[in-house]
């Protein structure tokens, strides 16, 4: 059984609320990291672009995965309320 289903069987639970809050915060922090650190390095020279890719491998993928996690949690909440 999916962890999101288990957590959000009771959408009013503190655990479900905490999961949503944590995912939103984590996504926000990853986007800040991308905006303040990754993008300036990538947009500079080729040497910095290589350095940025070493420092932040797969940062875009990590942001997408956590975004999908948040979407799934919200989907299960709305589905269980309907």
PDB file of N, CA and C in Angstrom:
ATOM      1  N   UNK A   1       0.850  -1.183   0.000  1.00  0.00           N
ATOM      2  CA  UNK A   1       0.000   0.000   0.000  1.00  0.00           C
ATOM      3  C   UNK A   1       0.892   1.242   0.000  1.00  0.00           C
ATOM      4  N   UNK A   2       0.464   2.252  -0.708  1.00  0.00           N
ATOM      5  CA  UNK A   2       1.215   3.484  -0.850  1.00  0.00           C
ATOM      6  C   UNK A   2       1.269   4.237   0.479  1.00  0.00           C
ATOM      7  N   UNK A   3       2.427   4.835   0.787  1.00  0.00           N
ATOM      8  CA  UNK A   3       2.603   5.582   2.042  1.00  0.00           C
ATOM      9  C   UNK A   3       1.647   6.765   2.105  1.00  0.00           C
ATOM     10  N   UNK A   4       1.343   7.389   0.952  1.00  0.00           N
ATOM     11  CA  UNK A   4       0.445   8.531   0.948  1.00  0.00           C
ATOM     12  C   UNK A   4      -0.974   8.116   1.292  1.00  0.00           C
ATOM     13  N   UNK A   5      -1.360   6.933   0.856  1.00  0.00           N
ATOM     14  CA  UNK A   5      -2.687   6.428   1.189  1.00  0.00           C
ATOM     15  C   UNK A   5      -2.780   6.196   2.689  1.00  0.00           C
ATOM     16  N   UNK A   6      -1.741   5.599   3.264  1.00  0.00           N
ATOM     17  CA  UNK A   6      -1.747   5.324   4.697  1.00  0.00           C
ATOM     18  C   UNK A   6      -1.784   6.608   5.515  1.00  0.00           C
ATOM     19  N   UNK A   7      -0.996   7.582   5.107  1.00  0.00           N
ATOM     20  CA  UNK A   7      -0.923   8.839   5.852  1.00  0.00           C
ATOM     21  C   UNK A   7      -2.218   9.619   5.731  1.00  0.00           C
ATOM     22  N   UNK A   8      -2.823   9.620   4.558  1.00  0.00           N
ATOM     23  CA  UNK A   8      -3.962  10.493   4.298  1.00  0.00           C
ATOM     24  C   UNK A   8      -5.302   9.778   4.343  1.00  0.00           C
ATOM     25  N   UNK A   9      -5.351   8.602   4.966  1.00  0.00           N
ATOM     26  CA  UNK A   9      -6.648   7.959   5.142  1.00  0.00           C
ATOM     27  C   UNK A   9      -7.551   8.832   5.990  1.00  0.00           C
ATOM     28  N   UNK A  10      -6.956   9.527   6.920  1.00  0.00           N
ATOM     29  CA  UNK A  10      -7.690  10.489   7.728  1.00  0.00           C
ATOM     30  C   UNK A  10      -7.113  11.870   7.416  1.00  0.00           C
ATOM     31  N   UNK A  11      -7.696  12.616   6.461  1.00  0.00           N
ATOM     32  CA  UNK A  11      -7.104  13.879   6.018  1.00  0.00           C
ATOM     33  C   UNK A  11      -7.000  14.939   7.101  1.00  0.00           C
ATOM     34  N   UNK A  12      -7.754  14.790   8.163  1.00  0.00           N
ATOM     35  CA  UNK A  12      -7.677  15.796   9.215  1.00  0.00           C
ATOM     36  C   UNK A  12      -6.582  15.463  10.232  1.00  0.00           C
ATOM     37  N   UNK A  13      -5.852  14.381  10.012  1.00  0.00           N
ATOM     38  CA  UNK A  13      -4.833  13.977  10.971  1.00  0.00           C
ATOM     39  C   UNK A  13      -3.651  14.943  10.953  1.00  0.00           C
ATOM     40  N   UNK A  14      -2.989  15.026  12.076  1.00  0.00           N
ATOM     41  CA  UNK A  14      -1.812  15.889  12.183  1.00  0.00           C
ATOM     42  C   UNK A  14      -0.682  15.394  11.283  1.00  0.00           C
ATOM     43  N   UNK A  15      -0.590  14.096  11.114  1.00  0.00           N
ATOM     44  CA  UNK A  15       0.456  13.522  10.268  1.00  0.00           C
ATOM     45  C   UNK A  15       0.294  13.957   8.815  1.00  0.00           C
ATOM     46  N   UNK A  16      -0.914  13.956   8.331  1.00  0.00           N
ATOM     47  CA  UNK A  16      -1.187  14.384   6.959  1.00  0.00           C
ATOM     48  C   UNK A  16      -0.870  15.868   6.793  1.00  0.00           C
ATOM     49  N   UNK A  17      -1.287  16.668   7.731  1.00  0.00           N
ATOM     50  CA  UNK A  17      -1.005  18.102   7.694  1.00  0.00           C
ATOM     51  C   UNK A  17       0.493  18.362   7.741  1.00  0.00           C
ATOM     52  N   UNK A  18       1.196  17.627   8.581  1.00  0.00           N
ATOM     53  CA  UNK A  18       2.647  17.778   8.698  1.00  0.00           C
ATOM     54  C   UNK A  18       3.346  17.367   7.407  1.00  0.00           C
ATOM     55  N   UNK A  19       2.887  16.317   6.758  1.00  0.00           N
ATOM     56  CA  UNK A  19       3.478  15.875   5.503  1.00  0.00           C
ATOM     57  C   UNK A  19       3.326  16.942   4.420  1.00  0.00           C
ATOM     58  N   UNK A  20       2.150  17.539   4.336  1.00  0.00           N
ATOM     59  CA  UNK A  20       1.926  18.596   3.345  1.00  0.00           C
ATOM     60  C   UNK A  20       2.817  19.795   3.640  1.00  0.00           C
ATOM     61  N   UNK A  21       2.872  20.210   4.884  1.00  0.00           N
ATOM     62  CA  UNK A  21       3.683  21.365   5.262  1.00  0.00           C
ATOM     63  C   UNK A  21       5.165  21.110   4.980  1.00  0.00           C
ATOM     64  N   UNK A  22       5.637  19.908   5.316  1.00  0.00           N
ATOM     65  CA  UNK A  22       7.041  19.569   5.116  1.00  0.00           C
ATOM     66  C   UNK A  22       7.400  19.541   3.636  1.00  0.00           C
ATOM     67  N   UNK A  23       6.552  18.941   2.818  1.00  0.00           N
ATOM     68  CA  UNK A  23       6.828  18.888   1.377  1.00  0.00           C
ATOM     69  C   UNK A  23       6.834  20.287   0.769  1.00  0.00           C
ATOM     70  N   UNK A  24       5.872  21.118   1.148  1.00  0.00           N
ATOM     71  CA  UNK A  24       5.830  22.485   0.613  1.00  0.00           C
ATOM     72  C   UNK A  24       7.082  23.260   1.004  1.00  0.00           C
ATOM     73  N   UNK A  25       7.498  23.115   2.252  1.00  0.00           N
ATOM     74  CA  UNK A  25       8.688  23.810   2.723  1.00  0.00           C
ATOM     75  C   UNK A  25       9.939  23.305   2.007  1.00  0.00           C
ATOM     76  N   UNK A  26      10.028  21.998   1.837  1.00  0.00           N
ATOM     77  CA  UNK A  26      11.201  21.414   1.180  1.00  0.00           C
ATOM     78  C   UNK A  26      11.283  21.869  -0.280  1.00  0.00           C
ATOM     79  N   UNK A  27      10.156  21.892  -0.972  1.00  0.00           N
ATOM     80  CA  UNK A  27      10.147  22.352  -2.360  1.00  0.00           C
ATOM     81  C   UNK A  27      10.558  23.817  -2.433  1.00  0.00           C
ATOM     82  N   UNK A  28      10.047  24.626  -1.529  1.00  0.00           N
ATOM     83  CA  UNK A  28      10.405  26.053  -1.505  1.00  0.00           C
ATOM     84  C   UNK A  28      11.906  26.227  -1.284  1.00  0.00           C
ATOM     85  N   UNK A  29      12.482  25.477  -0.360  1.00  0.00           N
ATOM     86  CA  UNK A  29      13.919  25.584  -0.087  1.00  0.00           C
ATOM     87  C   UNK A  29      14.755  25.099  -1.271  1.00  0.00           C
ATOM     88  N   UNK A  30      14.309  24.060  -1.945  1.00  0.00           N
ATOM     89  CA  UNK A  30      15.028  23.585  -3.131  1.00  0.00           C
ATOM     90  C   UNK A  30      14.981  24.618  -4.248  1.00  0.00           C
ATOM     91  N   UNK A  31      13.851  25.277  -4.419  1.00  0.00           N
ATOM     92  CA  UNK A  31      13.742  26.313  -5.454  1.00  0.00           C
ATOM     93  C   UNK A  31      14.616  27.516  -5.124  1.00  0.00           C
ATOM     94  N   UNK A  32      14.706  27.870  -3.855  1.00  0.00           N
ATOM     95  CA  UNK A  32      15.597  28.963  -3.442  1.00  0.00           C
ATOM     96  C   UNK A  32      17.042  28.581  -3.736  1.00  0.00           C
ATOM     97  N   UNK A  33      17.408  27.348  -3.424  1.00  0.00           N
ATOM     98  CA  UNK A  33      18.758  26.872  -3.714  1.00  0.00           C
ATOM     99  C   UNK A  33      19.037  26.945  -5.209  1.00  0.00           C
ATOM    100  N   UNK A  34      18.056  26.571  -6.007  1.00  0.00           N
ATOM    101  CA  UNK A  34      18.209  26.609  -7.454  1.00  0.00           C
ATOM    102  C   UNK A  34      18.363  28.047  -7.944  1.00  0.00           C
ATOM    103  N   UNK A  35      17.553  28.934  -7.413  1.00  0.00           N
ATOM    104  CA  UNK A  35      17.563  30.326  -7.865  1.00  0.00           C
ATOM    105  C   UNK A  35      18.824  31.071  -7.415  1.00  0.00           C
ATOM    106  N   UNK A  36      19.232  30.892  -6.169  1.00  0.00           N
ATOM    107  CA  UNK A  36      20.355  31.670  -5.628  1.00  0.00           C
ATOM    108  C   UNK A  36      21.726  31.081  -5.922  1.00  0.00           C
ATOM    109  N   UNK A  37      21.822  29.769  -6.063  1.00  0.00           N
ATOM    110  CA  UNK A  37      23.136  29.151  -6.213  1.00  0.00           C
ATOM    111  C   UNK A  37      23.331  28.477  -7.573  1.00  0.00           C
ATOM    112  N   UNK A  38      22.394  27.633  -7.960  1.00  0.00           N
ATOM    113  CA  UNK A  38      22.576  26.849  -9.180  1.00  0.00           C
ATOM    114  C   UNK A  38      22.504  27.711 -10.437  1.00  0.00           C
ATOM    115  N   UNK A  39      21.441  28.487 -10.576  1.00  0.00           N
ATOM    116  CA  UNK A  39      21.252  29.283 -11.797  1.00  0.00           C
ATOM    117  C   UNK A  39      22.376  30.289 -12.052  1.00  0.00           C
ATOM    118  N   UNK A  40      22.854  31.032 -11.047  1.00  0.00           N
ATOM    119  CA  UNK A  40      23.967  31.950 -11.331  1.00  0.00           C
ATOM    120  C   UNK A  40      25.226  31.226 -11.809  1.00  0.00           C
ATOM    121  N   UNK A  41      25.491  30.044 -11.283  1.00  0.00           N
ATOM    122  CA  UNK A  41      26.662  29.297 -11.736  1.00  0.00           C
ATOM    123  C   UNK A  41      26.483  28.785 -13.154  1.00  0.00           C
ATOM    124  N   UNK A  42      25.304  28.294 -13.463  1.00  0.00           N
ATOM    125  CA  UNK A  42      25.038  27.750 -14.799  1.00  0.00           C
ATOM    126  C   UNK A  42      25.056  28.851 -15.855  1.00  0.00           C
ATOM    127  N   UNK A  43      24.564  30.007 -15.503  1.00  0.00           N
ATOM    128  CA  UNK A  43      24.472  31.100 -16.473  1.00  0.00           C
ATOM    129  C   UNK A  43      25.788  31.844 -16.672  1.00  0.00           C
ATOM    130  N   UNK A  44      26.806  31.522 -15.899  1.00  0.00           N
ATOM    131  CA  UNK A  44      28.089  32.221 -16.015  1.00  0.00           C
ATOM    132  C   UNK A  44      28.945  31.566 -17.106  1.00  0.00           C
ATOM    133  N   UNK A  45      30.061  31.019 -16.776  1.00  0.00           N
ATOM    134  CA  UNK A  45      30.951  30.426 -17.774  1.00  0.00           C
ATOM    135  C   UNK A  45      30.805  28.908 -17.785  1.00  0.00           C
ATOM    136  N   UNK A  46      31.440  28.288 -18.767  1.00  0.00           N
ATOM    137  CA  UNK A  46      31.367  26.828 -18.904  1.00  0.00           C
ATOM    138  C   UNK A  46      32.001  26.141 -17.698  1.00  0.00           C
ATOM    139  N   UNK A  47      33.062  26.730 -17.147  1.00  0.00           N
ATOM    140  CA  UNK A  47      33.713  26.132 -15.983  1.00  0.00           C
ATOM    141  C   UNK A  47      32.749  26.105 -14.788  1.00  0.00           C
ATOM    142  N   UNK A  48      32.038  27.202 -14.576  1.00  0.00           N
ATOM    143  CA  UNK A  48      31.077  27.247 -13.471  1.00  0.00           C
ATOM    144  C   UNK A  48      29.889  26.329 -13.726  1.00  0.00           C
ATOM    145  N   UNK A  49      29.519  26.159 -14.983  1.00  0.00           N
ATOM    146  CA  UNK A  49      28.423  25.264 -15.321  1.00  0.00           C
ATOM    147  C   UNK A  49      28.776  23.822 -14.921  1.00  0.00           C
ATOM    148  N   UNK A  50      29.993  23.409 -15.209  1.00  0.00           N
ATOM    149  CA  UNK A  50      30.444  22.070 -14.808  1.00  0.00           C
ATOM    150  C   UNK A  50      30.490  21.947 -13.285  1.00  0.00           C
ATOM    151  N   UNK A  51      30.954  22.988 -12.631  1.00  0.00           N
ATOM    152  CA  UNK A  51      31.011  22.985 -11.171  1.00  0.00           C
ATOM    153  C   UNK A  51      29.604  22.898 -10.573  1.00  0.00           C
ATOM    154  N   UNK A  52      28.671  23.643 -11.141  1.00  0.00           N
ATOM    155  CA  UNK A  52      27.284  23.626 -10.651  1.00  0.00           C
ATOM    156  C   UNK A  52      26.676  22.241 -10.817  1.00  0.00           C
ATOM    157  N   UNK A  53      26.968  21.582 -11.931  1.00  0.00           N
ATOM    158  CA  UNK A  53      26.434  20.242 -12.146  1.00  0.00           C
ATOM    159  C   UNK A  53      27.052  19.225 -11.195  1.00  0.00           C
ATOM    160  N   UNK A  54      28.281  19.458 -10.758  1.00  0.00           N
ATOM    161  CA  UNK A  54      28.897  18.585  -9.754  1.00  0.00           C
ATOM    162  C   UNK A  54      28.323  18.849  -8.361  1.00  0.00           C
ATOM    163  N   UNK A  55      28.071  20.114  -8.059  1.00  0.00           N
ATOM    164  CA  UNK A  55      27.559  20.477  -6.738  1.00  0.00           C
ATOM    165  C   UNK A  55      26.078  20.139  -6.564  1.00  0.00           C
ATOM    166  N   UNK A  56      25.310  20.284  -7.626  1.00  0.00           N
ATOM    167  CA  UNK A  56      23.860  20.075  -7.557  1.00  0.00           C
ATOM    168  C   UNK A  56      23.412  19.083  -8.629  1.00  0.00           C
ATOM    169  N   UNK A  57      23.856  17.839  -8.543  1.00  0.00           N
ATOM    170  CA  UNK A  57      23.422  16.881  -9.567  1.00  0.00           C
ATOM    171  C   UNK A  57      21.931  16.596  -9.429  1.00  0.00           C
ATOM    172  N   UNK A  58      21.248  16.640 -10.522  1.00  0.00           N
ATOM    173  CA  UNK A  58      19.821  16.284 -10.577  1.00  0.00           C
ATOM    174  C   UNK A  58      18.932  17.163  -9.709  1.00  0.00           C
ATOM    175  N   UNK A  59      19.284  18.407  -9.509  1.00  0.00           N
ATOM    176  CA  UNK A  59      18.465  19.293  -8.687  1.00  0.00           C
ATOM    177  C   UNK A  59      17.073  19.471  -9.283  1.00  0.00           C
ATOM    178  N   UNK A  60      16.986  19.603 -10.597  1.00  0.00           N
ATOM    179  CA  UNK A  60      15.677  19.733 -11.239  1.00  0.00           C
ATOM    180  C   UNK A  60      14.820  18.494 -11.003  1.00  0.00           C
ATOM    181  N   UNK A  61      15.438  17.324 -11.093  1.00  0.00           N
ATOM    182  CA  UNK A  61      14.695  16.074 -10.882  1.00  0.00           C
ATOM    183  C   UNK A  61      14.211  15.963  -9.438  1.00  0.00           C
ATOM    184  N   UNK A  62      15.025  16.373  -8.492  1.00  0.00           N
ATOM    185  CA  UNK A  62      14.640  16.317  -7.077  1.00  0.00           C
ATOM    186  C   UNK A  62      13.440  17.229  -6.822  1.00  0.00           C
ATOM    187  N   UNK A  63      13.464  18.418  -7.413  1.00  0.00           N
ATOM    188  CA  UNK A  63      12.342  19.351  -7.262  1.00  0.00           C
ATOM    189  C   UNK A  63      11.073  18.746  -7.863  1.00  0.00           C
ATOM    190  N   UNK A  64      11.200  18.124  -9.034  1.00  0.00           N
ATOM    191  CA  UNK A  64      10.029  17.494  -9.665  1.00  0.00           C
ATOM    192  C   UNK A  64       9.484  16.344  -8.831  1.00  0.00           C
ATOM    193  N   UNK A  65      10.365  15.512  -8.284  1.00  0.00           N
ATOM    194  CA  UNK A  65       9.914  14.369  -7.475  1.00  0.00           C
ATOM    195  C   UNK A  65       9.148  14.845  -6.250  1.00  0.00           C
ATOM    196  N   UNK A  66       9.676  15.852  -5.560  1.00  0.00           N
ATOM    197  CA  UNK A  66       8.984  16.355  -4.380  1.00  0.00           C
ATOM    198  C   UNK A  66       7.692  17.071  -4.755  1.00  0.00           C
ATOM    199  N   UNK A  67       7.679  17.702  -5.914  1.00  0.00           N
ATOM    200  CA  UNK A  67       6.434  18.312  -6.391  1.00  0.00           C
ATOM    201  C   UNK A  67       5.367  17.261  -6.640  1.00  0.00           C
ATOM    202  N   UNK A  68       5.757  16.136  -7.249  1.00  0.00           N
ATOM    203  CA  UNK A  68       4.802  15.052  -7.478  1.00  0.00           C
ATOM    204  C   UNK A  68       4.344  14.427  -6.173  1.00  0.00           C
ATOM    205  N   UNK A  69       5.239  14.329  -5.193  1.00  0.00           N
ATOM    206  CA  UNK A  69       4.835  13.810  -3.879  1.00  0.00           C
ATOM    207  C   UNK A  69       3.749  14.686  -3.270  1.00  0.00           C
ATOM    208  N   UNK A  70       3.934  15.982  -3.353  1.00  0.00           N
ATOM    209  CA  UNK A  70       2.938  16.908  -2.814  1.00  0.00           C
ATOM    210  C   UNK A  70       1.620  16.786  -3.570  1.00  0.00           C
ATOM    211  N   UNK A  71       1.697  16.681  -4.886  1.00  0.00           N
ATOM    212  CA  UNK A  71       0.479  16.520  -5.686  1.00  0.00           C
ATOM    213  C   UNK A  71      -0.244  15.238  -5.297  1.00  0.00           C
ATOM    214  N   UNK A  72       0.488  14.146  -5.115  1.00  0.00           N
ATOM    215  CA  UNK A  72      -0.140  12.881  -4.730  1.00  0.00           C
ATOM    216  C   UNK A  72      -0.822  12.978  -3.374  1.00  0.00           C
ATOM    217  N   UNK A  73      -0.166  13.609  -2.432  1.00  0.00           N
ATOM    218  CA  UNK A  73      -0.771  13.760  -1.101  1.00  0.00           C
ATOM    219  C   UNK A  73      -2.065  14.558  -1.200  1.00  0.00           C
ATOM    220  N   UNK A  74      -2.011  15.672  -1.912  1.00  0.00           N
ATOM    221  CA  UNK A  74      -3.212  16.497  -2.059  1.00  0.00           C
ATOM    222  C   UNK A  74      -4.307  15.750  -2.819  1.00  0.00           C
ATOM    223  N   UNK A  75      -3.928  14.953  -3.814  1.00  0.00           N
ATOM    224  CA  UNK A  75      -4.893  14.160  -4.565  1.00  0.00           C
ATOM    225  C   UNK A  75      -5.601  13.175  -3.648  1.00  0.00           C
ATOM    226  N   UNK A  76      -4.848  12.467  -2.811  1.00  0.00           N
ATOM    227  CA  UNK A  76      -5.460  11.486  -1.920  1.00  0.00           C
ATOM    228  C   UNK A  76      -6.346  12.157  -0.874  1.00  0.00           C
ATOM    229  N   UNK A  77      -5.994  13.345  -0.454  1.00  0.00           N
ATOM    230  CA  UNK A  77      -6.829  14.067   0.502  1.00  0.00           C
ATOM    231  C   UNK A  77      -8.161  14.432  -0.144  1.00  0.00           C
ATOM    232  N   UNK A  78      -8.090  15.038  -1.321  1.00  0.00           N
ATOM    233  CA  UNK A  78      -9.324  15.445  -1.981  1.00  0.00           C
ATOM    234  C   UNK A  78     -10.162  14.248  -2.396  1.00  0.00           C
ATOM    235  N   UNK A  79      -9.504  13.163  -2.785  1.00  0.00           N
ATOM    236  CA  UNK A  79     -10.226  11.949  -3.171  1.00  0.00           C
ATOM    237  C   UNK A  79     -10.944  11.337  -1.974  1.00  0.00           C
ATOM    238  N   UNK A  80     -10.293  11.356  -0.814  1.00  0.00           N
ATOM    239  CA  UNK A  80     -10.902  10.771   0.375  1.00  0.00           C
ATOM    240  C   UNK A  80     -12.032  11.642   0.937  1.00  0.00           C
ATOM    241  N   UNK A  81     -11.984  12.953   0.666  1.00  0.00           N
ATOM    242  CA  UNK A  81     -13.043  13.847   1.132  1.00  0.00           C
ATOM    243  C   UNK A  81     -14.276  13.782   0.230  1.00  0.00           C
ATOM    244  N   UNK A  82     -14.097  13.341  -1.013  1.00  0.00           N
ATOM    245  CA  UNK A  82     -15.227  13.306  -1.952  1.00  0.00           C
ATOM    246  C   UNK A  82     -16.107  12.089  -1.739  1.00  0.00           C
TER     247      UNK A  82
END
